[in-house]
């Protein structure tokens, strides 16, 4: 196999980079669709859109373990 020139290497790397970016976007979209299906199953109509956006935004900003611990601590004991 002949050795690639620097120009060919750059072109190859650019093509791989575009492919990876497309794959990341596709995966990100699938993940968002899966999560939106979860939200669609929740009884969110009890909250205003602002409250819901704020709650989801705060949970996303926290890491999962911290968010779950905070919610469990705030939940009323039964």
N, C-alpha and C. Protein backbone atom coordinates (compact mmCIF):
# COMPACT_ATOMS: atom_id res chain seq x y z
N UNK A 1 0.86 -1.17 0.00
CA UNK A 1 0.00 0.00 0.00
C UNK A 1 0.91 1.24 0.00
N UNK A 2 0.68 2.13 -0.95
CA UNK A 2 1.54 3.31 -1.02
C UNK A 2 1.29 4.24 0.17
N UNK A 3 2.34 4.93 0.53
CA UNK A 3 2.25 5.86 1.65
C UNK A 3 1.41 7.07 1.24
N UNK A 4 0.56 7.51 2.15
CA UNK A 4 -0.31 8.66 1.89
C UNK A 4 0.47 9.96 2.10
N UNK A 5 0.16 10.92 1.27
CA UNK A 5 0.76 12.24 1.47
C UNK A 5 0.04 12.94 2.61
N UNK A 6 0.64 14.01 3.10
CA UNK A 6 0.00 14.77 4.18
C UNK A 6 -1.36 15.29 3.74
N UNK A 7 -1.46 15.71 2.49
CA UNK A 7 -2.73 16.22 1.97
C UNK A 7 -3.78 15.12 1.97
N UNK A 8 -3.40 13.91 1.56
CA UNK A 8 -4.33 12.79 1.56
C UNK A 8 -4.73 12.40 2.98
N UNK A 9 -3.76 12.45 3.89
CA UNK A 9 -4.06 12.15 5.30
C UNK A 9 -5.07 13.14 5.85
N UNK A 10 -4.88 14.42 5.56
CA UNK A 10 -5.81 15.44 6.05
C UNK A 10 -7.21 15.22 5.47
N UNK A 11 -7.29 14.92 4.19
CA UNK A 11 -8.58 14.66 3.56
C UNK A 11 -9.25 13.45 4.20
N UNK A 12 -8.48 12.41 4.45
CA UNK A 12 -9.01 11.21 5.09
C UNK A 12 -9.49 11.49 6.50
N UNK A 13 -8.70 12.22 7.25
CA UNK A 13 -9.09 12.57 8.62
C UNK A 13 -10.32 13.47 8.64
N UNK A 14 -10.42 14.39 7.69
CA UNK A 14 -11.59 15.27 7.61
C UNK A 14 -12.84 14.45 7.32
N UNK A 15 -12.73 13.48 6.42
CA UNK A 15 -13.88 12.62 6.11
C UNK A 15 -14.28 11.80 7.33
N UNK A 16 -13.31 11.25 8.03
CA UNK A 16 -13.60 10.48 9.25
C UNK A 16 -14.24 11.37 10.32
N UNK A 17 -13.75 12.59 10.42
CA UNK A 17 -14.30 13.53 11.40
C UNK A 17 -15.77 13.84 11.09
N UNK A 18 -16.08 14.06 9.81
CA UNK A 18 -17.47 14.32 9.43
C UNK A 18 -18.35 13.12 9.74
N UNK A 19 -17.85 11.93 9.45
CA UNK A 19 -18.62 10.72 9.71
C UNK A 19 -18.89 10.56 11.20
N UNK A 20 -17.88 10.81 12.02
CA UNK A 20 -18.05 10.71 13.48
C UNK A 20 -19.05 11.75 13.98
N UNK A 21 -18.97 12.97 13.45
CA UNK A 21 -19.91 14.02 13.86
C UNK A 21 -21.34 13.63 13.49
N UNK A 22 -21.53 13.06 12.31
CA UNK A 22 -22.86 12.61 11.90
C UNK A 22 -23.36 11.48 12.80
N UNK A 23 -22.48 10.55 13.11
CA UNK A 23 -22.85 9.44 13.98
C UNK A 23 -23.21 9.93 15.38
N UNK A 24 -22.46 10.91 15.89
CA UNK A 24 -22.77 11.48 17.20
C UNK A 24 -24.14 12.14 17.18
N UNK A 25 -24.44 12.89 16.13
CA UNK A 25 -25.73 13.57 16.05
C UNK A 25 -26.88 12.57 15.94
N UNK A 26 -26.69 11.52 15.16
CA UNK A 26 -27.72 10.48 15.04
C UNK A 26 -27.97 9.82 16.39
N UNK A 27 -26.92 9.48 17.09
CA UNK A 27 -27.04 8.84 18.40
C UNK A 27 -27.70 9.79 19.40
N UNK A 28 -27.30 11.05 19.37
CA UNK A 28 -27.89 12.06 20.25
C UNK A 28 -29.40 12.18 19.99
N UNK A 29 -29.79 12.18 18.73
CA UNK A 29 -31.21 12.29 18.37
C UNK A 29 -31.99 11.08 18.84
N UNK A 30 -31.43 9.87 18.65
CA UNK A 30 -32.10 8.65 19.14
C UNK A 30 -32.30 8.69 20.64
N UNK A 31 -31.27 9.14 21.34
CA UNK A 31 -31.35 9.23 22.79
C UNK A 31 -32.43 10.21 23.23
N UNK A 32 -32.49 11.36 22.56
CA UNK A 32 -33.51 12.36 22.89
C UNK A 32 -34.91 11.83 22.60
N UNK A 33 -35.06 11.08 21.51
CA UNK A 33 -36.37 10.50 21.19
C UNK A 33 -36.79 9.50 22.26
N UNK A 34 -35.85 8.69 22.73
CA UNK A 34 -36.15 7.70 23.77
C UNK A 34 -36.56 8.41 25.06
N UNK A 35 -35.84 9.47 25.43
CA UNK A 35 -36.18 10.21 26.65
C UNK A 35 -37.50 10.96 26.50
N UNK A 36 -37.79 11.47 25.32
CA UNK A 36 -39.05 12.18 25.13
C UNK A 36 -40.23 11.23 25.28
N UNK A 37 -40.04 9.95 24.90
CA UNK A 37 -41.10 8.97 25.09
C UNK A 37 -41.35 8.74 26.58
N UNK A 38 -40.30 8.78 27.38
CA UNK A 38 -40.46 8.63 28.83
C UNK A 38 -41.26 9.81 29.38
N UNK A 39 -40.91 11.01 28.95
CA UNK A 39 -41.60 12.21 29.42
C UNK A 39 -43.07 12.19 28.98
N UNK A 40 -43.33 11.70 27.77
CA UNK A 40 -44.71 11.64 27.27
C UNK A 40 -45.57 10.73 28.15
N UNK A 41 -44.97 9.77 28.82
CA UNK A 41 -45.71 8.85 29.68
C UNK A 41 -45.93 9.40 31.09
N UNK A 42 -45.31 10.53 31.42
CA UNK A 42 -45.45 11.10 32.77
C UNK A 42 -46.62 12.08 32.84
N UNK A 43 -47.27 12.17 33.99
CA UNK A 43 -48.38 13.11 34.15
C UNK A 43 -47.88 14.54 34.41
N UNK A 44 -47.30 15.17 33.40
CA UNK A 44 -46.66 16.47 33.57
C UNK A 44 -47.65 17.63 33.49
N UNK A 45 -48.90 17.35 33.17
CA UNK A 45 -49.87 18.43 33.02
C UNK A 45 -50.14 19.18 34.33
N UNK A 46 -49.72 18.62 35.43
CA UNK A 46 -49.91 19.28 36.73
C UNK A 46 -48.95 20.45 36.92
N UNK A 47 -47.94 20.57 36.05
CA UNK A 47 -46.93 21.61 36.19
C UNK A 47 -47.02 22.60 35.04
N UNK A 48 -46.61 23.81 35.30
CA UNK A 48 -46.54 24.78 34.21
C UNK A 48 -45.33 24.42 33.35
N UNK A 49 -45.32 24.94 32.14
CA UNK A 49 -44.18 24.66 31.26
C UNK A 49 -42.90 25.21 31.86
N UNK A 50 -43.00 26.37 32.48
CA UNK A 50 -41.81 26.98 33.09
C UNK A 50 -41.26 26.10 34.21
N UNK A 51 -42.16 25.62 35.09
CA UNK A 51 -41.72 24.74 36.18
C UNK A 51 -41.07 23.46 35.65
N UNK A 52 -41.71 22.88 34.64
CA UNK A 52 -41.21 21.64 34.07
C UNK A 52 -39.83 21.85 33.44
N UNK A 53 -39.68 22.92 32.65
CA UNK A 53 -38.39 23.21 32.02
C UNK A 53 -37.31 23.46 33.07
N UNK A 54 -37.66 24.19 34.12
CA UNK A 54 -36.69 24.48 35.16
C UNK A 54 -36.26 23.21 35.88
N UNK A 55 -37.23 22.35 36.21
CA UNK A 55 -36.91 21.10 36.91
C UNK A 55 -36.02 20.20 36.05
N UNK A 56 -36.39 20.02 34.80
CA UNK A 56 -35.58 19.18 33.91
C UNK A 56 -34.21 19.80 33.71
N UNK A 57 -34.15 21.10 33.52
CA UNK A 57 -32.87 21.77 33.34
C UNK A 57 -31.94 21.59 34.52
N UNK A 58 -32.48 21.70 35.73
CA UNK A 58 -31.66 21.51 36.93
C UNK A 58 -31.18 20.07 37.05
N UNK A 59 -32.05 19.13 36.73
CA UNK A 59 -31.65 17.72 36.80
C UNK A 59 -30.56 17.39 35.78
N UNK A 60 -30.67 17.97 34.61
CA UNK A 60 -29.67 17.71 33.57
C UNK A 60 -28.32 18.33 33.95
N UNK A 61 -28.36 19.50 34.58
CA UNK A 61 -27.11 20.16 34.98
C UNK A 61 -26.39 19.40 36.08
N UNK A 62 -27.14 18.78 36.97
CA UNK A 62 -26.53 17.96 38.02
C UNK A 62 -26.12 16.62 37.43
N UNK A 63 -25.18 15.96 38.03
CA UNK A 63 -24.93 14.60 37.57
C UNK A 63 -26.04 13.71 38.13
N UNK A 64 -26.25 12.57 37.52
CA UNK A 64 -27.38 11.71 37.84
C UNK A 64 -27.41 11.31 39.31
N UNK A 65 -26.27 10.92 39.87
CA UNK A 65 -26.24 10.46 41.26
C UNK A 65 -26.64 11.58 42.22
N UNK A 66 -26.14 12.80 41.97
CA UNK A 66 -26.48 13.94 42.83
C UNK A 66 -27.96 14.29 42.71
N UNK A 67 -28.49 14.24 41.50
CA UNK A 67 -29.90 14.56 41.28
C UNK A 67 -30.80 13.55 41.99
N UNK A 68 -30.48 12.28 41.88
CA UNK A 68 -31.29 11.24 42.53
C UNK A 68 -31.20 11.37 44.05
N UNK A 69 -30.02 11.61 44.57
CA UNK A 69 -29.86 11.77 46.01
C UNK A 69 -30.64 12.97 46.52
N UNK A 70 -30.61 14.08 45.80
CA UNK A 70 -31.35 15.28 46.21
C UNK A 70 -32.86 15.03 46.19
N UNK A 71 -33.34 14.35 45.15
CA UNK A 71 -34.78 14.06 45.07
C UNK A 71 -35.21 13.09 46.17
N UNK A 72 -34.42 12.09 46.43
CA UNK A 72 -34.77 11.14 47.49
C UNK A 72 -34.80 11.82 48.85
N UNK A 73 -33.85 12.74 49.08
CA UNK A 73 -33.81 13.45 50.35
C UNK A 73 -35.01 14.38 50.50
N UNK A 74 -35.49 14.93 49.40
CA UNK A 74 -36.61 15.89 49.44
C UNK A 74 -37.96 15.19 49.44
N UNK A 75 -38.02 13.93 49.04
CA UNK A 75 -39.29 13.21 48.95
C UNK A 75 -39.88 12.98 50.34
N UNK A 76 -41.18 13.13 50.45
CA UNK A 76 -41.82 12.87 51.75
C UNK A 76 -41.73 11.41 52.12
N UNK A 77 -41.56 11.14 53.37
CA UNK A 77 -41.47 9.75 53.86
C UNK A 77 -42.85 9.14 53.91
N UNK A 78 -42.97 7.88 53.48
CA UNK A 78 -44.28 7.23 53.52
C UNK A 78 -44.31 6.09 54.50
